[in-house]
Amino acid sequence: RVWALEPHPTNPNDMLAGSNFGIDRWDQAAKKYTRLPFKMDGLQLVTALAYNPSNPDVILAGTQPAQIWRSDDGGQTWTNTNVKMASYARGYFEGHWTRVTQILFDKKDPNLVWAGVEIDGAWRSKDGGKTWTSIHEGMLDDSDVFSIQVDALRPGRIFASACSGVYASADEGGRWNKLNTP
């Protein structure tokens, strides 16, 4: 099963696919996938991928259980960023694995990166994905963040979809406000 697709920001013939088995690179010219050397170490799935838009050698991969991995050499080697994300749910979904649902670089400032995590909220990096901080202050239900989008016209403004609705932040995710949505 393929969980994530990420086209290369400058090479239209290149795309990454995250799956139950790791990360594969699609080569349009050769019309084939090649498995990248990504050590799974007991991970179940690669669920999110993101290229740094200004340096495509930097790639981030999100997994289930939730963790973020970083490559600085186009996917040839990977380092676990050791983010303190929950591996398993607590409470109602006790024992269910968490997973990174999305990783998003800010196109104007690639040092800013956000990640949504099912059963562990929203996360932000201010150093291009090397270190991460949990950012869910103001969310009514911070357990599931499915999607994050950057407002291209208003710097610092981002949106997140969660179980309890859509949220907006005017300070890069420092504080969230729930929007009135149907």
C-alpha atoms as a PDB file:
ATOM      1  CA  ARG A   1       0.000   0.000   0.000  1.00  0.00           C
ATOM      2  CA  VAL A   2       1.271   3.466  -0.935  1.00  0.00           C
ATOM      3  CA  TRP A   3       0.603   6.082   1.770  1.00  0.00           C
ATOM      4  CA  ALA A   4       2.467   9.127   0.452  1.00  0.00           C
ATOM      5  CA  LEU A   5       3.631  10.631  -2.828  1.00  0.00           C
ATOM      6  CA  GLU A   6       6.049  13.535  -3.142  1.00  0.00           C
ATOM      7  CA  PRO A   7       7.126  14.937  -6.528  1.00  0.00           C
ATOM      8  CA  HIS A   8      10.648  16.304  -6.790  1.00  0.00           C
ATOM      9  CA  PRO A   9      10.542  20.144  -6.656  1.00  0.00           C
ATOM     10  CA  THR A  10      12.786  20.636  -9.718  1.00  0.00           C
ATOM     11  CA  ASN A  11      12.967  17.305 -11.582  1.00  0.00           C
ATOM     12  CA  PRO A  12       9.638  16.379 -13.221  1.00  0.00           C
ATOM     13  CA  ASN A  13      10.900  12.830 -13.857  1.00  0.00           C
ATOM     14  CA  ASP A  14      11.407  12.034 -10.172  1.00  0.00           C
ATOM     15  CA  MET A  15       8.850  11.215  -7.462  1.00  0.00           C
ATOM     16  CA  LEU A  16       9.019   9.492  -4.071  1.00  0.00           C
ATOM     17  CA  ALA A  17       6.472   6.981  -2.799  1.00  0.00           C
ATOM     18  CA  GLY A  18       6.138   5.966   0.859  1.00  0.00           C
ATOM     19  CA  SER A  19       4.626   2.546   1.487  1.00  0.00           C
ATOM     20  CA  ASN A  20       4.325  -0.370   3.898  1.00  0.00           C
ATOM     21  CA  PHE A  21       7.810  -1.434   2.809  1.00  0.00           C
ATOM     22  CA  GLY A  22       9.818   1.789   2.779  1.00  0.00           C
ATOM     23  CA  ILE A  23      10.522   4.526   0.248  1.00  0.00           C
ATOM     24  CA  ASP A  24      10.754   4.093  -3.513  1.00  0.00           C
ATOM     25  CA  ARG A  25      11.890   6.619  -6.126  1.00  0.00           C
ATOM     26  CA  TRP A  26      10.032   6.713  -9.445  1.00  0.00           C
ATOM     27  CA  ASP A  27      12.232   7.350 -12.486  1.00  0.00           C
ATOM     28  CA  GLN A  28       9.993   8.461 -15.359  1.00  0.00           C
ATOM     29  CA  ALA A  29      12.717   7.982 -18.003  1.00  0.00           C
ATOM     30  CA  ALA A  30      13.336   4.362 -16.966  1.00  0.00           C
ATOM     31  CA  LYS A  31       9.659   3.824 -16.063  1.00  0.00           C
ATOM     32  CA  LYS A  32      10.533   2.039 -12.829  1.00  0.00           C
ATOM     33  CA  TYR A  33      10.723   2.376  -9.053  1.00  0.00           C
ATOM     34  CA  THR A  34      13.967   1.912  -7.126  1.00  0.00           C
ATOM     35  CA  ARG A  35      13.897   1.193  -3.374  1.00  0.00           C
ATOM     36  CA  LEU A  36      15.849   3.731  -1.323  1.00  0.00           C
ATOM     37  CA  PRO A  37      18.062   2.485   1.516  1.00  0.00           C
ATOM     38  CA  PHE A  38      15.672   3.240   4.386  1.00  0.00           C
ATOM     39  CA  LYS A  39      16.161   1.042   7.437  1.00  0.00           C
ATOM     40  CA  MET A  40      12.665   0.285   8.748  1.00  0.00           C
ATOM     41  CA  ASP A  41      13.778  -0.826  12.267  1.00  0.00           C
ATOM     42  CA  GLY A  42      10.368  -2.200  13.182  1.00  0.00           C
ATOM     43  CA  LEU A  43       8.439   0.660  11.602  1.00  0.00           C
ATOM     44  CA  GLN A  44       5.251  -0.363   9.882  1.00  0.00           C
ATOM     45  CA  LEU A  45       4.691   2.314   7.255  1.00  0.00           C
ATOM     46  CA  VAL A  46       6.152   5.405   5.582  1.00  0.00           C
ATOM     47  CA  THR A  47       3.118   7.709   5.645  1.00  0.00           C
ATOM     48  CA  ALA A  48       4.408  11.202   4.744  1.00  0.00           C
ATOM     49  CA  LEU A  49       7.220  12.624   2.596  1.00  0.00           C
ATOM     50  CA  ALA A  50       8.501  16.144   1.903  1.00  0.00           C
ATOM     51  CA  TYR A  51      11.341  17.624  -0.113  1.00  0.00           C
ATOM     52  CA  ASN A  52      12.959  20.859   1.039  1.00  0.00           C
ATOM     53  CA  PRO A  53      11.848  23.184  -1.810  1.00  0.00           C
ATOM     54  CA  SER A  54      15.162  25.070  -1.944  1.00  0.00           C
ATOM     55  CA  ASN A  55      17.449  22.053  -1.402  1.00  0.00           C
ATOM     56  CA  PRO A  56      15.941  18.808  -2.744  1.00  0.00           C
ATOM     57  CA  ASP A  57      18.792  16.788  -1.228  1.00  0.00           C
ATOM     58  CA  VAL A  58      16.977  17.317   2.085  1.00  0.00           C
ATOM     59  CA  ILE A  59      14.016  14.943   2.411  1.00  0.00           C
ATOM     60  CA  LEU A  60      11.825  14.288   5.447  1.00  0.00           C
ATOM     61  CA  ALA A  61       9.890  11.043   5.952  1.00  0.00           C
ATOM     62  CA  GLY A  62       7.113  10.468   8.470  1.00  0.00           C
ATOM     63  CA  THR A  63       6.223   7.004   9.692  1.00  0.00           C
ATOM     64  CA  GLN A  64       3.826   4.837  11.663  1.00  0.00           C
ATOM     65  CA  PRO A  65       4.476   4.634  14.607  1.00  0.00           C
ATOM     66  CA  ALA A  66       4.963   8.403  14.450  1.00  0.00           C
ATOM     67  CA  GLN A  67       8.552   9.492  13.901  1.00  0.00           C
ATOM     68  CA  ILE A  68      10.322  11.819  11.470  1.00  0.00           C
ATOM     69  CA  TRP A  69      13.429  10.802   9.563  1.00  0.00           C
ATOM     70  CA  ARG A  70      15.752  13.143   7.661  1.00  0.00           C
ATOM     71  CA  SER A  71      18.041  12.641   4.683  1.00  0.00           C
ATOM     72  CA  ASP A  72      20.586  15.268   3.641  1.00  0.00           C
ATOM     73  CA  ASP A  73      21.848  13.350   0.598  1.00  0.00           C
ATOM     74  CA  GLY A  74      18.774  12.812  -1.571  1.00  0.00           C
ATOM     75  CA  GLY A  75      17.597   9.704   0.255  1.00  0.00           C
ATOM     76  CA  GLN A  76      20.790   7.646   0.311  1.00  0.00           C
ATOM     77  CA  THR A  77      21.138   7.787   4.112  1.00  0.00           C
ATOM     78  CA  TRP A  78      18.556   8.555   6.825  1.00  0.00           C
ATOM     79  CA  THR A  79      18.750   9.810  10.396  1.00  0.00           C
ATOM     80  CA  ASN A  80      15.976   9.511  12.957  1.00  0.00           C
ATOM     81  CA  THR A  81      15.290  13.017  14.337  1.00  0.00           C
ATOM     82  CA  ASN A  82      14.171  11.388  17.627  1.00  0.00           C
ATOM     83  CA  VAL A  83      11.105  13.592  17.990  1.00  0.00           C
ATOM     84  CA  LYS A  84       9.266  12.851  21.238  1.00  0.00           C
ATOM     85  CA  MET A  85       6.042  11.919  19.437  1.00  0.00           C
ATOM     86  CA  ALA A  86       3.775   9.362  21.022  1.00  0.00           C
ATOM     87  CA  SER A  87       4.174   5.913  19.450  1.00  0.00           C
ATOM     88  CA  TYR A  88       0.826   4.634  20.663  1.00  0.00           C
ATOM     89  CA  ALA A  89      -2.530   6.209  21.486  1.00  0.00           C
ATOM     90  CA  ARG A  90      -3.754   6.749  25.001  1.00  0.00           C
ATOM     91  CA  GLY A  91      -7.343   6.644  26.244  1.00  0.00           C
ATOM     92  CA  TYR A  92     -10.098   5.549  23.877  1.00  0.00           C
ATOM     93  CA  PHE A  93      -7.733   4.311  21.141  1.00  0.00           C
ATOM     94  CA  GLU A  94      -5.295   2.726  23.627  1.00  0.00           C
ATOM     95  CA  GLY A  95      -2.632   0.729  21.801  1.00  0.00           C
ATOM     96  CA  HIS A  96      -3.369   2.133  18.312  1.00  0.00           C
ATOM     97  CA  TRP A  97      -0.215   3.306  16.545  1.00  0.00           C
ATOM     98  CA  THR A  98       0.214   6.994  15.840  1.00  0.00           C
ATOM     99  CA  ARG A  99       1.292   8.137  12.371  1.00  0.00           C
ATOM    100  CA  VAL A 100       2.605  11.240  10.676  1.00  0.00           C
ATOM    101  CA  THR A 101      -0.136  12.338   8.271  1.00  0.00           C
ATOM    102  CA  GLN A 102       1.670  15.207   6.542  1.00  0.00           C
ATOM    103  CA  ILE A 103       4.976  17.074   6.451  1.00  0.00           C
ATOM    104  CA  LEU A 104       4.999  20.537   4.895  1.00  0.00           C
ATOM    105  CA  PHE A 105       7.921  22.892   4.247  1.00  0.00           C
ATOM    106  CA  ASP A 106       7.191  26.617   4.021  1.00  0.00           C
ATOM    107  CA  LYS A 107       8.054  27.476   0.406  1.00  0.00           C
ATOM    108  CA  LYS A 108       9.276  30.963   1.368  1.00  0.00           C
ATOM    109  CA  ASP A 109      11.271  29.889   4.436  1.00  0.00           C
ATOM    110  CA  PRO A 110      12.374  26.233   4.228  1.00  0.00           C
ATOM    111  CA  ASN A 111      13.618  26.377   7.821  1.00  0.00           C
ATOM    112  CA  LEU A 112       9.927  26.312   8.819  1.00  0.00           C
ATOM    113  CA  VAL A 113       8.377  22.858   8.603  1.00  0.00           C
ATOM    114  CA  TRP A 114       5.130  21.500  10.044  1.00  0.00           C
ATOM    115  CA  ALA A 115       3.914  17.965  10.634  1.00  0.00           C
ATOM    116  CA  GLY A 116       0.449  16.662  11.363  1.00  0.00           C
ATOM    117  CA  VAL A 117       0.213  13.532  13.484  1.00  0.00           C
ATOM    118  CA  GLU A 118      -2.767  11.269  13.926  1.00  0.00           C
ATOM    119  CA  ILE A 119      -3.250  10.877  17.678  1.00  0.00           C
ATOM    120  CA  ASP A 120      -0.444  13.320  18.591  1.00  0.00           C
ATOM    121  CA  GLY A 121      -1.329  16.771  17.241  1.00  0.00           C
ATOM    122  CA  ALA A 122       0.673  19.346  15.294  1.00  0.00           C
ATOM    123  CA  TRP A 123       4.456  19.779  15.341  1.00  0.00           C
ATOM    124  CA  ARG A 124       6.786  22.523  14.062  1.00  0.00           C
ATOM    125  CA  SER A 125      10.460  22.727  13.203  1.00  0.00           C
ATOM    126  CA  LYS A 126      12.304  26.033  12.848  1.00  0.00           C
ATOM    127  CA  ASP A 127      15.573  24.469  11.656  1.00  0.00           C
ATOM    128  CA  GLY A 128      14.541  22.639   8.500  1.00  0.00           C
ATOM    129  CA  GLY A 129      13.347  19.478  10.237  1.00  0.00           C
ATOM    130  CA  LYS A 130      16.277  18.768  12.548  1.00  0.00           C
ATOM    131  CA  THR A 131      14.383  19.433  15.803  1.00  0.00           C
ATOM    132  CA  TRP A 132      10.636  19.570  16.518  1.00  0.00           C
ATOM    133  CA  THR A 133       8.210  21.131  19.018  1.00  0.00           C
ATOM    134  CA  SER A 134       4.600  20.154  19.726  1.00  0.00           C
ATOM    135  CA  ILE A 135       2.277  23.057  18.802  1.00  0.00           C
ATOM    136  CA  HIS A 136      -1.374  22.468  19.643  1.00  0.00           C
ATOM    137  CA  GLU A 137      -2.254  25.270  22.092  1.00  0.00           C
ATOM    138  CA  GLY A 138      -5.807  26.405  21.419  1.00  0.00           C
ATOM    139  CA  MET A 139      -6.991  23.256  19.665  1.00  0.00           C
ATOM    140  CA  LEU A 140     -10.069  21.740  21.281  1.00  0.00           C
ATOM    141  CA  ASP A 141      -9.025  18.262  20.250  1.00  0.00           C
ATOM    142  CA  ASP A 142      -5.297  18.129  19.666  1.00  0.00           C
ATOM    143  CA  SER A 143      -5.160  14.390  19.145  1.00  0.00           C
ATOM    144  CA  ASP A 144      -5.582  14.155  15.355  1.00  0.00           C
ATOM    145  CA  VAL A 145      -4.142  16.602  12.839  1.00  0.00           C
ATOM    146  CA  PHE A 146      -4.708  15.422   9.284  1.00  0.00           C
ATOM    147  CA  SER A 147      -3.653  18.330   7.087  1.00  0.00           C
ATOM    148  CA  ILE A 148      -1.664  21.560   7.387  1.00  0.00           C
ATOM    149  CA  GLN A 149      -1.582  24.367   4.815  1.00  0.00           C
ATOM    150  CA  VAL A 150       0.391  27.623   4.653  1.00  0.00           C
ATOM    151  CA  ASP A 151      -1.370  30.824   3.603  1.00  0.00           C
ATOM    152  CA  ALA A 152       0.824  32.021   0.730  1.00  0.00           C
ATOM    153  CA  LEU A 153      -0.462  35.601   0.986  1.00  0.00           C
ATOM    154  CA  ARG A 154      -0.113  36.149   4.746  1.00  0.00           C
ATOM    155  CA  PRO A 155       3.253  35.212   6.295  1.00  0.00           C
ATOM    156  CA  GLY A 156       2.942  33.253   9.522  1.00  0.00           C
ATOM    157  CA  ARG A 157      -0.671  32.216   8.891  1.00  0.00           C
ATOM    158  CA  ILE A 158      -1.313  28.492   8.662  1.00  0.00           C
ATOM    159  CA  PHE A 159      -4.324  26.209   8.811  1.00  0.00           C
ATOM    160  CA  ALA A 160      -4.805  22.712  10.215  1.00  0.00           C
ATOM    161  CA  SER A 161      -7.637  20.220   9.934  1.00  0.00           C
ATOM    162  CA  ALA A 162      -8.340  18.121  13.020  1.00  0.00           C
ATOM    163  CA  CYS A 163     -11.096  15.855  14.335  1.00  0.00           C
ATOM    164  CA  SER A 164     -12.835  18.844  15.911  1.00  0.00           C
ATOM    165  CA  GLY A 165     -12.673  21.124  12.862  1.00  0.00           C
ATOM    166  CA  VAL A 166     -10.412  23.553  11.033  1.00  0.00           C
ATOM    167  CA  TYR A 167      -7.982  25.759  12.944  1.00  0.00           C
ATOM    168  CA  ALA A 168      -6.007  28.865  11.973  1.00  0.00           C
ATOM    169  CA  SER A 169      -2.835  30.291  13.457  1.00  0.00           C
ATOM    170  CA  ALA A 170      -1.378  33.741  12.810  1.00  0.00           C
ATOM    171  CA  ASP A 171       1.953  32.921  14.482  1.00  0.00           C
ATOM    172  CA  GLU A 172       3.235  29.829  12.638  1.00  0.00           C
ATOM    173  CA  GLY A 173       1.291  27.475  14.912  1.00  0.00           C
ATOM    174  CA  GLY A 174       2.138  29.020  18.264  1.00  0.00           C
ATOM    175  CA  ARG A 175      -1.565  29.475  19.065  1.00  0.00           C
ATOM    176  CA  TRP A 176      -4.585  28.084  17.212  1.00  0.00           C
ATOM    177  CA  ASN A 177      -8.138  29.439  16.842  1.00  0.00           C
ATOM    178  CA  LYS A 178     -11.031  27.274  15.700  1.00  0.00           C
ATOM    179  CA  LEU A 179     -12.786  28.497  12.554  1.00  0.00           C
ATOM    180  CA  ASN A 180     -16.555  28.273  12.071  1.00  0.00           C
ATOM    181  CA  THR A 181     -16.933  25.437   9.586  1.00  0.00           C
ATOM    182  CA  PRO A 182     -19.900  23.312   8.558  1.00  0.00           C
END
